[in-house]
């Protein structure tokens, strides 16, 4: 049996989500985390409280409801794909 190397896991906070969606001084670093996660190199983890904080920060920072809805839809899609994938 061939074993795959363990996927790197990172806990993210509200700042990572906020910089990814709204830009700012750490936008490039935040984007790289999400790119690596999309490519399957990295697993990002965040608590539900982090999502609540991110939504509140986005809305208070002037983000549109559409931006928040896209964020939630993307997170839901990621969650479903993780649940459907088998770990080896």
Protein backbone atom coordinates (compact mmCIF):
# COMPACT_ATOMS: atom_id res chain seq x y z
CA UNK A 1 0.00 0.00 0.00
CA UNK A 2 1.35 3.43 -0.92
CA UNK A 3 0.85 6.00 1.79
CA UNK A 4 0.36 9.62 0.93
CA UNK A 5 2.23 12.14 3.02
CA UNK A 6 0.10 13.78 5.67
CA UNK A 7 -1.53 16.96 4.42
CA UNK A 8 -0.34 20.09 6.17
CA UNK A 9 -3.05 21.62 8.36
CA UNK A 10 -3.36 25.26 9.41
CA UNK A 11 -5.75 26.89 11.81
CA UNK A 12 -6.81 30.25 10.41
CA UNK A 13 -8.27 33.24 12.15
CA UNK A 14 -10.58 36.05 11.12
CA UNK A 15 -7.70 38.14 9.81
CA UNK A 16 -6.78 35.56 7.16
CA UNK A 17 -10.35 35.46 5.87
CA UNK A 18 -10.70 39.25 6.00
CA UNK A 19 -7.44 39.92 4.12
CA UNK A 20 -8.32 37.28 1.53
CA UNK A 21 -11.73 38.77 0.79
CA UNK A 22 -11.11 42.48 1.33
CA UNK A 23 -7.40 42.91 0.59
CA UNK A 24 -4.85 44.75 2.67
CA UNK A 25 -1.29 44.37 3.85
CA UNK A 26 -1.47 40.56 4.21
CA UNK A 27 -3.59 39.89 1.14
CA UNK A 28 -0.86 38.00 -0.75
CA UNK A 29 -0.11 35.68 2.17
CA UNK A 30 -3.80 34.99 2.80
CA UNK A 31 -4.38 34.29 -0.89
CA UNK A 32 -1.47 31.84 -0.97
CA UNK A 33 -3.05 29.83 1.88
CA UNK A 34 -6.34 29.56 -0.01
CA UNK A 35 -4.58 28.71 -3.29
CA UNK A 36 -2.64 25.91 -1.59
CA UNK A 37 -5.88 24.65 -0.01
CA UNK A 38 -7.65 24.65 -3.38
CA UNK A 39 -4.74 22.69 -4.88
CA UNK A 40 -5.05 20.09 -2.12
CA UNK A 41 -1.66 20.85 -0.55
CA UNK A 42 -3.05 22.30 2.65
CA UNK A 43 -6.11 21.87 4.84
CA UNK A 44 -7.45 25.05 6.42
CA UNK A 45 -9.45 24.82 9.62
CA UNK A 46 -11.49 27.49 11.37
CA UNK A 47 -14.07 27.44 14.11
CA UNK A 48 -17.66 28.53 13.53
CA UNK A 49 -16.94 31.57 15.72
CA UNK A 50 -14.26 32.63 13.24
CA UNK A 51 -16.85 32.54 10.45
CA UNK A 52 -19.20 34.70 12.55
CA UNK A 53 -16.38 37.15 13.27
CA UNK A 54 -15.41 37.28 9.59
CA UNK A 55 -18.97 37.98 8.48
CA UNK A 56 -19.36 40.73 11.10
CA UNK A 57 -16.01 42.27 10.14
CA UNK A 58 -16.84 42.15 6.45
CA UNK A 59 -20.23 43.77 6.93
CA UNK A 60 -18.92 46.46 9.28
CA UNK A 61 -16.07 47.10 6.82
CA UNK A 62 -18.55 47.83 4.06
CA UNK A 63 -18.61 44.47 2.26
CA UNK A 64 -21.73 43.85 0.26
CA UNK A 65 -24.20 41.11 1.10
CA UNK A 66 -23.18 39.45 -2.18
CA UNK A 67 -19.54 39.23 -1.00
CA UNK A 68 -20.65 37.62 2.25
CA UNK A 69 -22.96 35.22 0.41
CA UNK A 70 -20.12 34.16 -1.92
CA UNK A 71 -17.88 33.59 1.10
CA UNK A 72 -20.51 31.41 2.75
CA UNK A 73 -21.21 29.49 -0.47
CA UNK A 74 -17.49 28.83 -0.97
CA UNK A 75 -17.10 27.64 2.61
CA UNK A 76 -20.13 25.38 2.28
CA UNK A 77 -18.72 23.90 -0.93
CA UNK A 78 -15.33 23.25 0.71
CA UNK A 79 -17.01 21.63 3.69
CA UNK A 80 -19.05 19.30 1.50
CA UNK A 81 -16.03 18.28 -0.57
CA UNK A 82 -14.07 17.49 2.60
CA UNK A 83 -16.91 15.34 3.93
CA UNK A 84 -17.13 13.43 0.66
CA UNK A 85 -13.42 12.69 0.34
CA UNK A 86 -11.97 9.56 1.90
CA UNK A 87 -8.74 9.83 3.82
CA UNK A 88 -5.94 7.36 3.21
